[in-house]
N, C-alpha and C. Protein backbone atom coordinates (compact mmCIF):
# COMPACT_ATOMS: atom_id res chain seq x y z
N UNK A 1 -5.37 253.94 3.31
CA UNK A 1 -4.24 253.22 2.77
C UNK A 1 -2.94 253.74 3.38
N UNK A 2 -2.84 254.99 3.58
CA UNK A 2 -1.61 255.56 4.10
C UNK A 2 -1.31 255.06 5.52
N UNK A 3 -2.30 254.99 6.39
CA UNK A 3 -2.06 254.53 7.75
C UNK A 3 -1.62 253.07 7.77
N UNK A 4 -2.10 252.26 6.83
CA UNK A 4 -1.67 250.86 6.76
C UNK A 4 -0.18 250.76 6.43
N UNK A 5 0.30 251.55 5.48
CA UNK A 5 1.71 251.52 5.11
C UNK A 5 2.59 252.02 6.24
N UNK A 6 2.14 253.04 6.94
CA UNK A 6 2.90 253.58 8.06
C UNK A 6 3.05 252.52 9.15
N UNK A 7 1.94 251.83 9.45
CA UNK A 7 2.00 250.78 10.47
C UNK A 7 2.90 249.64 10.01
N UNK A 8 2.86 249.31 8.75
CA UNK A 8 3.63 248.19 8.24
C UNK A 8 5.13 248.52 8.23
N UNK A 9 5.50 249.76 7.91
CA UNK A 9 6.91 250.15 7.86
C UNK A 9 7.51 250.31 9.26
N UNK A 10 6.78 250.81 10.19
CA UNK A 10 7.28 251.05 11.53
C UNK A 10 7.80 249.78 12.19
N UNK A 11 7.02 248.68 12.23
CA UNK A 11 7.55 247.47 12.85
C UNK A 11 8.79 246.94 12.12
N UNK A 12 8.82 247.06 10.80
CA UNK A 12 9.97 246.60 10.05
C UNK A 12 11.20 247.41 10.41
N UNK A 13 11.07 248.72 10.51
CA UNK A 13 12.18 249.59 10.86
C UNK A 13 12.65 249.29 12.28
N UNK A 14 11.74 249.12 13.20
CA UNK A 14 12.12 248.79 14.58
C UNK A 14 12.84 247.45 14.64
N UNK A 15 12.37 246.50 13.86
CA UNK A 15 12.97 245.18 13.84
C UNK A 15 14.41 245.27 13.32
N UNK A 16 14.62 246.04 12.25
CA UNK A 16 15.97 246.22 11.71
C UNK A 16 16.89 246.90 12.71
N UNK A 17 16.35 247.92 13.40
CA UNK A 17 17.16 248.62 14.40
C UNK A 17 17.54 247.70 15.55
N UNK A 18 16.60 246.88 15.97
CA UNK A 18 16.87 245.94 17.06
C UNK A 18 17.96 244.95 16.66
N UNK A 19 17.90 244.43 15.45
CA UNK A 19 18.92 243.48 14.98
C UNK A 19 20.28 244.17 14.89
N UNK A 20 20.29 245.38 14.34
CA UNK A 20 21.56 246.12 14.22
C UNK A 20 22.15 246.43 15.59
N UNK A 21 21.30 246.85 16.52
CA UNK A 21 21.78 247.18 17.87
C UNK A 21 22.31 245.93 18.58
N UNK A 22 21.64 244.82 18.40
CA UNK A 22 22.10 243.57 19.03
C UNK A 22 23.46 243.15 18.48
N UNK A 23 23.63 243.29 17.17
CA UNK A 23 24.92 242.96 16.55
C UNK A 23 26.03 243.86 17.03
N UNK A 24 25.75 245.16 17.16
CA UNK A 24 26.75 246.11 17.65
C UNK A 24 27.12 245.81 19.10
N UNK A 25 26.13 245.52 19.93
CA UNK A 25 26.40 245.20 21.33
C UNK A 25 27.25 243.94 21.46
N UNK A 26 26.96 242.93 20.65
CA UNK A 26 27.74 241.69 20.70
C UNK A 26 29.18 241.94 20.28
N UNK A 27 29.38 242.74 19.23
CA UNK A 27 30.74 243.05 18.77
C UNK A 27 31.50 243.84 19.82
N UNK A 28 30.83 244.81 20.46
CA UNK A 28 31.47 245.61 21.51
C UNK A 28 31.86 244.74 22.70
N UNK A 29 30.97 243.85 23.10
CA UNK A 29 31.26 242.96 24.22
C UNK A 29 32.44 242.06 23.89
N UNK A 30 32.50 241.54 22.68
CA UNK A 30 33.62 240.68 22.28
C UNK A 30 34.93 241.45 22.31
N UNK A 31 34.91 242.70 21.88
CA UNK A 31 36.12 243.53 21.89
C UNK A 31 36.59 243.79 23.32
N UNK A 32 35.67 244.14 24.22
CA UNK A 32 36.03 244.40 25.61
C UNK A 32 36.58 243.14 26.27
N UNK A 33 35.93 242.00 26.04
CA UNK A 33 36.41 240.75 26.63
C UNK A 33 37.79 240.37 26.09
N UNK A 34 38.02 240.62 24.82
CA UNK A 34 39.34 240.33 24.24
C UNK A 34 40.40 241.22 24.87
N UNK A 35 40.11 242.52 24.98
CA UNK A 35 41.09 243.44 25.55
C UNK A 35 41.35 243.15 27.03
N UNK A 36 40.28 242.92 27.80
CA UNK A 36 40.49 242.67 29.22
C UNK A 36 41.12 241.31 29.45
N UNK A 37 40.86 240.35 28.60
CA UNK A 37 41.47 239.03 28.74
C UNK A 37 42.95 239.04 28.44
N UNK A 38 43.39 239.96 27.58
CA UNK A 38 44.80 239.99 27.22
C UNK A 38 45.59 240.99 28.07
N UNK A 39 44.92 241.73 28.94
CA UNK A 39 45.61 242.73 29.76
C UNK A 39 46.39 242.05 30.88
N UNK A 40 47.60 242.52 31.11
CA UNK A 40 48.44 242.02 32.19
C UNK A 40 48.98 243.22 32.96
N UNK A 41 49.44 242.99 34.18
CA UNK A 41 50.00 244.07 34.98
C UNK A 41 51.11 244.77 34.21
N UNK A 42 51.07 246.08 34.21
CA UNK A 42 52.06 246.86 33.49
C UNK A 42 51.74 247.01 32.01
N UNK A 43 50.68 246.33 31.55
CA UNK A 43 50.31 246.41 30.15
C UNK A 43 48.80 246.63 30.01
N UNK A 44 48.21 247.31 31.01
CA UNK A 44 46.78 247.51 31.00
C UNK A 44 46.40 248.59 30.00
N UNK A 45 45.27 248.40 29.31
CA UNK A 45 44.75 249.50 28.51
C UNK A 45 44.45 250.69 29.42
N UNK A 46 44.48 251.89 28.89
CA UNK A 46 44.34 253.08 29.73
C UNK A 46 43.03 253.12 30.50
N UNK A 47 41.97 252.53 29.96
CA UNK A 47 40.69 252.59 30.67
C UNK A 47 40.64 251.63 31.86
N UNK A 48 41.63 250.76 32.02
CA UNK A 48 41.67 249.87 33.18
C UNK A 48 42.63 250.38 34.26
N UNK A 49 43.38 251.43 33.97
CA UNK A 49 44.34 251.95 34.93
C UNK A 49 43.64 252.90 35.89
N UNK A 50 44.09 252.97 37.15
CA UNK A 50 43.44 253.87 38.11
C UNK A 50 43.68 255.33 37.74
N UNK A 51 42.73 256.16 38.11
CA UNK A 51 42.86 257.61 37.87
C UNK A 51 43.97 258.17 38.75
N UNK A 52 44.69 259.17 38.29
CA UNK A 52 45.76 259.74 39.11
C UNK A 52 45.20 260.56 40.27
N UNK A 53 45.99 260.65 41.34
CA UNK A 53 45.66 261.54 42.46
C UNK A 53 46.12 262.93 42.07
N UNK A 54 45.28 263.92 42.26
CA UNK A 54 45.65 265.29 41.90
C UNK A 54 45.53 266.20 43.12
N UNK A 55 46.29 267.28 43.08
CA UNK A 55 46.24 268.26 44.16
C UNK A 55 46.71 269.61 43.63
N UNK A 56 46.13 270.66 44.14
CA UNK A 56 46.49 272.01 43.71
C UNK A 56 47.91 272.35 44.15
N UNK A 57 48.61 273.13 43.32
CA UNK A 57 49.92 273.68 43.68
C UNK A 57 49.73 275.13 44.10
N UNK A 58 50.42 275.53 45.16
CA UNK A 58 50.28 276.89 45.70
C UNK A 58 51.65 277.51 45.92
N UNK A 59 51.73 278.87 45.87
CA UNK A 59 52.98 279.53 46.24
C UNK A 59 53.32 279.21 47.69
N UNK A 60 54.59 279.07 47.98
CA UNK A 60 55.02 278.83 49.35
C UNK A 60 54.55 279.97 50.24
N UNK A 61 53.99 279.62 51.38
CA UNK A 61 53.41 280.63 52.26
C UNK A 61 54.45 281.36 53.09
N UNK A 62 55.68 280.84 53.18
CA UNK A 62 56.69 281.47 54.03
C UNK A 62 57.23 282.77 53.46
N UNK A 63 57.67 282.78 52.22
CA UNK A 63 58.21 283.96 51.57
C UNK A 63 57.87 283.86 50.08
N UNK A 64 56.63 284.19 49.71
CA UNK A 64 56.20 283.92 48.35
C UNK A 64 56.80 284.83 47.29
N UNK A 65 57.53 285.88 47.66
CA UNK A 65 58.21 286.75 46.71
C UNK A 65 57.28 287.26 45.60
N UNK A 66 56.08 287.58 45.96
CA UNK A 66 55.18 288.22 45.01
C UNK A 66 54.42 287.31 44.08
N UNK A 67 54.74 285.99 44.05
CA UNK A 67 53.94 285.16 43.17
C UNK A 67 52.53 285.04 43.74
N UNK A 68 51.56 284.90 42.86
CA UNK A 68 50.17 284.85 43.28
C UNK A 68 49.62 283.44 43.07
N UNK A 69 48.57 283.15 43.79
CA UNK A 69 47.90 281.86 43.66
C UNK A 69 47.27 281.76 42.28
N UNK A 70 47.56 280.71 41.58
CA UNK A 70 46.89 280.43 40.30
C UNK A 70 46.11 279.14 40.50
N UNK A 71 44.81 279.24 40.78
CA UNK A 71 44.02 278.08 41.20
C UNK A 71 44.03 276.91 40.23
N UNK A 72 44.38 277.15 38.98
CA UNK A 72 44.38 276.05 38.01
C UNK A 72 45.66 275.21 38.09
N UNK A 73 46.70 275.67 38.78
CA UNK A 73 47.96 274.92 38.86
C UNK A 73 47.75 273.67 39.72
N UNK A 74 48.29 272.55 39.23
CA UNK A 74 48.08 271.29 39.96
C UNK A 74 49.20 270.30 39.69
N UNK A 75 49.22 269.26 40.50
CA UNK A 75 50.13 268.12 40.31
C UNK A 75 49.27 266.86 40.26
N UNK A 76 49.73 265.88 39.50
CA UNK A 76 49.02 264.61 39.39
C UNK A 76 50.02 263.47 39.56
N UNK A 77 49.62 262.43 40.28
CA UNK A 77 50.47 261.26 40.51
C UNK A 77 49.63 260.02 40.23
N UNK A 78 50.12 259.18 39.33
CA UNK A 78 49.46 257.92 39.02
C UNK A 78 50.48 256.81 38.97
N UNK A 79 50.10 255.63 39.40
CA UNK A 79 51.03 254.51 39.44
C UNK A 79 50.53 253.39 38.54
N UNK A 80 51.42 252.88 37.70
CA UNK A 80 51.13 251.73 36.86
C UNK A 80 52.19 250.69 37.19
N UNK A 81 51.74 249.57 37.75
CA UNK A 81 52.69 248.55 38.19
C UNK A 81 53.51 249.09 39.34
N UNK A 82 54.83 249.15 39.18
CA UNK A 82 55.70 249.65 40.25
C UNK A 82 56.32 251.00 39.89
N UNK A 83 55.74 251.71 38.92
CA UNK A 83 56.26 253.01 38.51
C UNK A 83 55.20 254.08 38.70
N UNK A 84 55.56 255.13 39.44
CA UNK A 84 54.67 256.28 39.64
C UNK A 84 55.06 257.36 38.64
N UNK A 85 54.08 257.92 37.99
CA UNK A 85 54.28 259.01 37.03
C UNK A 85 53.76 260.30 37.66
N UNK A 86 54.63 261.28 37.80
CA UNK A 86 54.30 262.54 38.45
C UNK A 86 54.34 263.65 37.39
N UNK A 87 53.31 264.47 37.35
CA UNK A 87 53.32 265.62 36.45
C UNK A 87 52.92 266.86 37.25
N UNK A 88 53.60 267.96 36.97
CA UNK A 88 53.30 269.24 37.62
C UNK A 88 52.93 270.24 36.53
N UNK A 89 51.93 271.06 36.83
CA UNK A 89 51.41 272.02 35.86
C UNK A 89 51.21 273.37 36.53
N UNK A 90 52.04 274.33 36.19
CA UNK A 90 51.84 275.70 36.64
C UNK A 90 51.06 276.41 35.53
N UNK A 91 49.90 276.94 35.86
CA UNK A 91 49.01 277.50 34.85
C UNK A 91 48.68 278.95 35.18
N UNK A 92 49.00 279.83 34.26
CA UNK A 92 48.70 281.26 34.37
C UNK A 92 49.22 281.86 35.67
N UNK A 93 50.48 281.61 35.99
CA UNK A 93 51.10 282.22 37.16
C UNK A 93 51.60 283.61 36.76
N UNK A 94 52.08 284.37 37.73
CA UNK A 94 52.67 285.67 37.39
C UNK A 94 54.19 285.56 37.32
N UNK A 95 54.69 284.41 36.86
CA UNK A 95 56.12 284.16 36.70
C UNK A 95 56.43 283.75 35.26
N UNK A 96 56.33 284.69 34.30
CA UNK A 96 56.65 284.34 32.92
C UNK A 96 58.15 284.15 32.73
N UNK A 97 58.50 283.28 31.80
CA UNK A 97 59.88 283.03 31.40
C UNK A 97 60.79 282.72 32.60
N UNK A 98 60.27 281.94 33.54
CA UNK A 98 61.02 281.52 34.71
C UNK A 98 61.30 280.03 34.60
N UNK A 99 62.54 279.63 34.90
CA UNK A 99 62.90 278.22 34.85
C UNK A 99 62.66 277.60 36.23
N UNK A 100 61.99 276.46 36.23
CA UNK A 100 61.69 275.75 37.47
C UNK A 100 62.24 274.33 37.40
N UNK A 101 62.46 273.76 38.60
CA UNK A 101 62.93 272.39 38.72
C UNK A 101 62.17 271.73 39.86
N UNK A 102 61.44 270.65 39.58
CA UNK A 102 60.73 269.95 40.65
C UNK A 102 61.68 269.14 41.55
N UNK A 103 61.32 269.06 42.80
CA UNK A 103 61.97 268.16 43.76
C UNK A 103 60.84 267.40 44.46
N UNK A 104 61.16 266.24 45.00
CA UNK A 104 60.14 265.45 45.68
C UNK A 104 60.72 264.76 46.89
N UNK A 105 59.83 264.41 47.81
CA UNK A 105 60.16 263.57 48.95
C UNK A 105 59.16 262.42 48.93
N UNK A 106 59.64 261.21 48.71
CA UNK A 106 58.78 260.04 48.63
C UNK A 106 58.76 259.33 49.98
N UNK A 107 57.57 259.12 50.49
CA UNK A 107 57.38 258.40 51.76
C UNK A 107 58.22 259.01 52.88
N UNK A 108 58.29 260.33 52.91
CA UNK A 108 58.94 261.11 53.98
C UNK A 108 60.45 260.88 54.07
N UNK A 109 61.05 260.49 52.95
CA UNK A 109 62.51 260.35 52.92
C UNK A 109 63.12 261.67 52.49
N UNK A 110 64.41 261.69 52.23
CA UNK A 110 65.10 262.92 51.88
C UNK A 110 64.59 263.49 50.56
N UNK A 111 64.75 264.80 50.41
CA UNK A 111 64.33 265.48 49.19
C UNK A 111 65.29 265.14 48.05
N UNK A 112 64.73 264.94 46.87
CA UNK A 112 65.50 264.60 45.68
C UNK A 112 65.13 265.55 44.55
N UNK A 113 66.15 266.16 43.92
CA UNK A 113 65.91 267.01 42.76
C UNK A 113 65.73 266.13 41.53
N UNK A 114 64.83 266.50 40.64
CA UNK A 114 64.64 265.77 39.39
C UNK A 114 65.45 266.45 38.27
N UNK A 115 65.53 265.80 37.15
CA UNK A 115 66.17 266.38 35.97
C UNK A 115 65.14 267.06 35.06
N UNK A 116 63.93 267.22 35.55
CA UNK A 116 62.82 267.74 34.74
C UNK A 116 62.73 269.27 34.81
N UNK A 117 63.71 269.95 34.26
CA UNK A 117 63.66 271.41 34.21
C UNK A 117 62.62 271.87 33.19
N UNK A 118 61.92 272.96 33.51
CA UNK A 118 60.98 273.52 32.54
C UNK A 118 60.91 275.03 32.71
N UNK A 119 60.56 275.72 31.63
CA UNK A 119 60.44 277.17 31.66
C UNK A 119 59.00 277.55 31.37
N UNK A 120 58.49 278.51 32.14
CA UNK A 120 57.13 278.97 31.90
C UNK A 120 57.09 279.84 30.65
N UNK A 121 55.95 279.90 30.04
CA UNK A 121 55.75 280.70 28.83
C UNK A 121 55.47 282.16 29.19
N UNK A 122 55.13 282.96 28.20
CA UNK A 122 54.86 284.39 28.40
C UNK A 122 53.72 284.62 29.39
N UNK A 123 52.79 283.64 29.52
CA UNK A 123 51.67 283.83 30.45
C UNK A 123 51.89 283.09 31.78
N UNK A 124 53.11 282.59 32.02
CA UNK A 124 53.42 281.94 33.29
C UNK A 124 52.99 280.49 33.36
N UNK A 125 52.77 279.86 32.23
CA UNK A 125 52.31 278.47 32.19
C UNK A 125 53.47 277.55 31.80
N UNK A 126 53.59 276.42 32.50
CA UNK A 126 54.63 275.44 32.18
C UNK A 126 54.34 274.11 32.85
N UNK A 127 54.89 273.04 32.31
CA UNK A 127 54.65 271.70 32.83
C UNK A 127 55.92 270.87 32.80
N UNK A 128 55.97 269.90 33.68
CA UNK A 128 57.07 268.94 33.70
C UNK A 128 56.53 267.61 34.21
N UNK A 129 57.25 266.54 33.89
CA UNK A 129 56.87 265.23 34.41
C UNK A 129 58.13 264.40 34.66
N UNK A 130 57.99 263.46 35.58
CA UNK A 130 59.08 262.55 35.89
C UNK A 130 58.48 261.27 36.45
N UNK A 131 59.29 260.23 36.51
CA UNK A 131 58.82 258.92 36.97
C UNK A 131 59.62 258.46 38.18
N UNK A 132 58.96 257.72 39.05
CA UNK A 132 59.59 257.10 40.22
C UNK A 132 59.46 255.59 40.03
N UNK A 133 60.58 254.92 39.86
CA UNK A 133 60.59 253.50 39.51
C UNK A 133 60.84 252.61 40.74
N UNK A 134 60.43 251.35 40.62
CA UNK A 134 60.73 250.34 41.63
C UNK A 134 59.97 250.48 42.93
N UNK A 135 58.74 250.97 42.87
CA UNK A 135 57.96 251.14 44.10
C UNK A 135 57.29 249.84 44.50
N UNK A 136 57.22 249.60 45.79
CA UNK A 136 56.55 248.41 46.31
C UNK A 136 55.03 248.60 46.22
N UNK A 137 54.31 247.50 46.22
CA UNK A 137 52.85 247.57 46.22
C UNK A 137 52.38 248.23 47.51
N UNK A 138 51.34 249.04 47.41
CA UNK A 138 50.77 249.68 48.59
C UNK A 138 50.58 251.17 48.41
N UNK A 139 50.28 251.84 49.52
CA UNK A 139 50.02 253.27 49.53
C UNK A 139 51.33 254.03 49.73
N UNK A 140 51.54 255.06 48.94
CA UNK A 140 52.74 255.90 49.04
C UNK A 140 52.31 257.36 49.18
N UNK A 141 53.24 258.19 49.61
CA UNK A 141 52.99 259.62 49.79
C UNK A 141 54.16 260.39 49.19
N UNK A 142 53.85 261.40 48.38
CA UNK A 142 54.90 262.22 47.78
C UNK A 142 54.62 263.69 48.08
N UNK A 143 55.68 264.38 48.50
CA UNK A 143 55.64 265.83 48.69
C UNK A 143 56.34 266.45 47.49
N UNK A 144 55.81 267.56 46.99
CA UNK A 144 56.41 268.22 45.82
C UNK A 144 56.83 269.64 46.15
N UNK A 145 57.94 270.05 45.54
CA UNK A 145 58.48 271.40 45.66
C UNK A 145 58.94 271.79 44.27
N UNK A 146 58.29 272.79 43.68
CA UNK A 146 58.66 273.24 42.34
C UNK A 146 59.39 274.56 42.54
N UNK A 147 60.71 274.53 42.40
CA UNK A 147 61.57 275.64 42.78
C UNK A 147 62.19 276.29 41.56
N UNK A 148 62.40 277.62 41.65
CA UNK A 148 63.06 278.29 40.53
C UNK A 148 64.54 277.93 40.49
N UNK A 149 65.12 278.06 39.34
CA UNK A 149 66.55 277.81 39.19
C UNK A 149 67.08 278.77 38.13
N UNK A 150 68.21 279.36 38.20
CA UNK A 150 69.14 279.22 39.32
C UNK A 150 68.64 279.98 40.55
N UNK A 151 69.40 279.98 41.60
CA UNK A 151 69.08 280.61 42.88
C UNK A 151 67.84 280.00 43.52
N UNK A 152 67.85 278.70 43.80
CA UNK A 152 66.69 278.06 44.43
C UNK A 152 66.28 278.76 45.71
N UNK A 153 65.00 278.74 45.96
CA UNK A 153 64.45 279.35 47.17
C UNK A 153 63.90 280.73 46.95
N UNK A 154 64.10 281.27 45.77
CA UNK A 154 63.63 282.61 45.47
C UNK A 154 62.13 282.62 45.22
N UNK A 155 61.64 281.69 44.44
CA UNK A 155 60.22 281.56 44.12
C UNK A 155 59.89 280.08 44.01
N UNK A 156 58.94 279.62 44.75
CA UNK A 156 58.55 278.24 44.52
C UNK A 156 57.14 277.89 44.96
N UNK A 157 56.70 276.75 44.49
CA UNK A 157 55.34 276.27 44.72
C UNK A 157 55.41 274.91 45.40
N UNK A 158 54.41 274.62 46.23
CA UNK A 158 54.30 273.35 46.94
C UNK A 158 52.93 272.74 46.69
N UNK A 159 52.82 271.41 46.90
CA UNK A 159 51.48 270.84 46.85
C UNK A 159 50.68 271.38 48.04
N UNK A 160 49.39 271.54 47.82
CA UNK A 160 48.50 272.27 48.74
C UNK A 160 48.58 271.78 50.18
N UNK A 161 48.54 270.48 50.42
CA UNK A 161 48.50 269.98 51.79
C UNK A 161 49.84 270.05 52.51
N UNK A 162 50.93 270.30 51.78
CA UNK A 162 52.24 270.48 52.43
C UNK A 162 52.50 271.95 52.73
N UNK A 163 51.74 272.84 52.12
CA UNK A 163 51.91 274.27 52.32
C UNK A 163 51.32 274.69 53.67
N UNK A 164 51.66 275.86 54.13
CA UNK A 164 51.13 276.40 55.38
C UNK A 164 51.44 275.47 56.55
N UNK A 165 52.69 275.00 56.64
CA UNK A 165 53.14 274.09 57.70
C UNK A 165 52.36 272.78 57.72
N UNK A 166 51.87 272.37 56.56
CA UNK A 166 51.14 271.11 56.48
C UNK A 166 52.08 269.93 56.57
N UNK A 167 51.55 268.79 56.84
CA UNK A 167 52.38 267.61 57.00
C UNK A 167 51.80 266.45 56.20
N UNK A 168 51.17 266.78 55.06
CA UNK A 168 50.54 265.73 54.27
C UNK A 168 50.98 265.89 52.82
N UNK A 169 51.38 264.81 52.20
CA UNK A 169 51.73 264.83 50.80
C UNK A 169 50.54 264.42 49.93
N UNK A 170 50.83 263.97 48.73
CA UNK A 170 49.80 263.46 47.83
C UNK A 170 49.88 261.93 47.91
N UNK A 171 48.78 261.32 48.31
CA UNK A 171 48.74 259.87 48.45
C UNK A 171 48.38 259.21 47.13
N UNK A 172 49.01 258.07 46.84
CA UNK A 172 48.69 257.29 45.66
C UNK A 172 49.00 255.83 45.95
N UNK A 173 48.44 254.93 45.16
CA UNK A 173 48.61 253.48 45.39
C UNK A 173 49.28 252.83 44.18
N UNK A 174 50.17 251.88 44.46
CA UNK A 174 50.81 251.08 43.41
C UNK A 174 50.36 249.63 43.59
N UNK A 175 50.17 248.95 42.45
CA UNK A 175 49.68 247.57 42.53
C UNK A 175 50.80 246.54 42.64
N UNK A 176 52.00 246.85 42.16
CA UNK A 176 53.10 245.89 42.31
C UNK A 176 54.43 246.58 42.20
């Protein structure tokens, strides 16, 4: 008698699970289609936006003034529509309580200082972000220089491919 009940309950349970799973899948599909159907340029849900380009930040190789490489430090650049969002992250450097100011060169034009001042914490960690507006559709290149302030040039970090006499920035693409 026991084996009969076990066999009888198992198909019923599987049938209920199959119906529940089908209903959940249909609801999920409807939600995704609704979200993707209503998405427009500049208003995309985060899962439809491209991943940012990232690159390690390194101490300047010319006169590093004692700062050490902190392999976790990085910069990220992502573009949504015609605006590029740049973030820099110095992580566990040997420069505690130091104020830094990012500068950038977009598409090999002149260097521009940002207003994104930041100070590292007791463990040398700090972050800043800024936006570049009005970019044309296509591939762009940005060089980064995270310099101490006041007295710029005393201690600073560059994106990895621009360091050591490199001639490559961080490439990213904008859709419009």
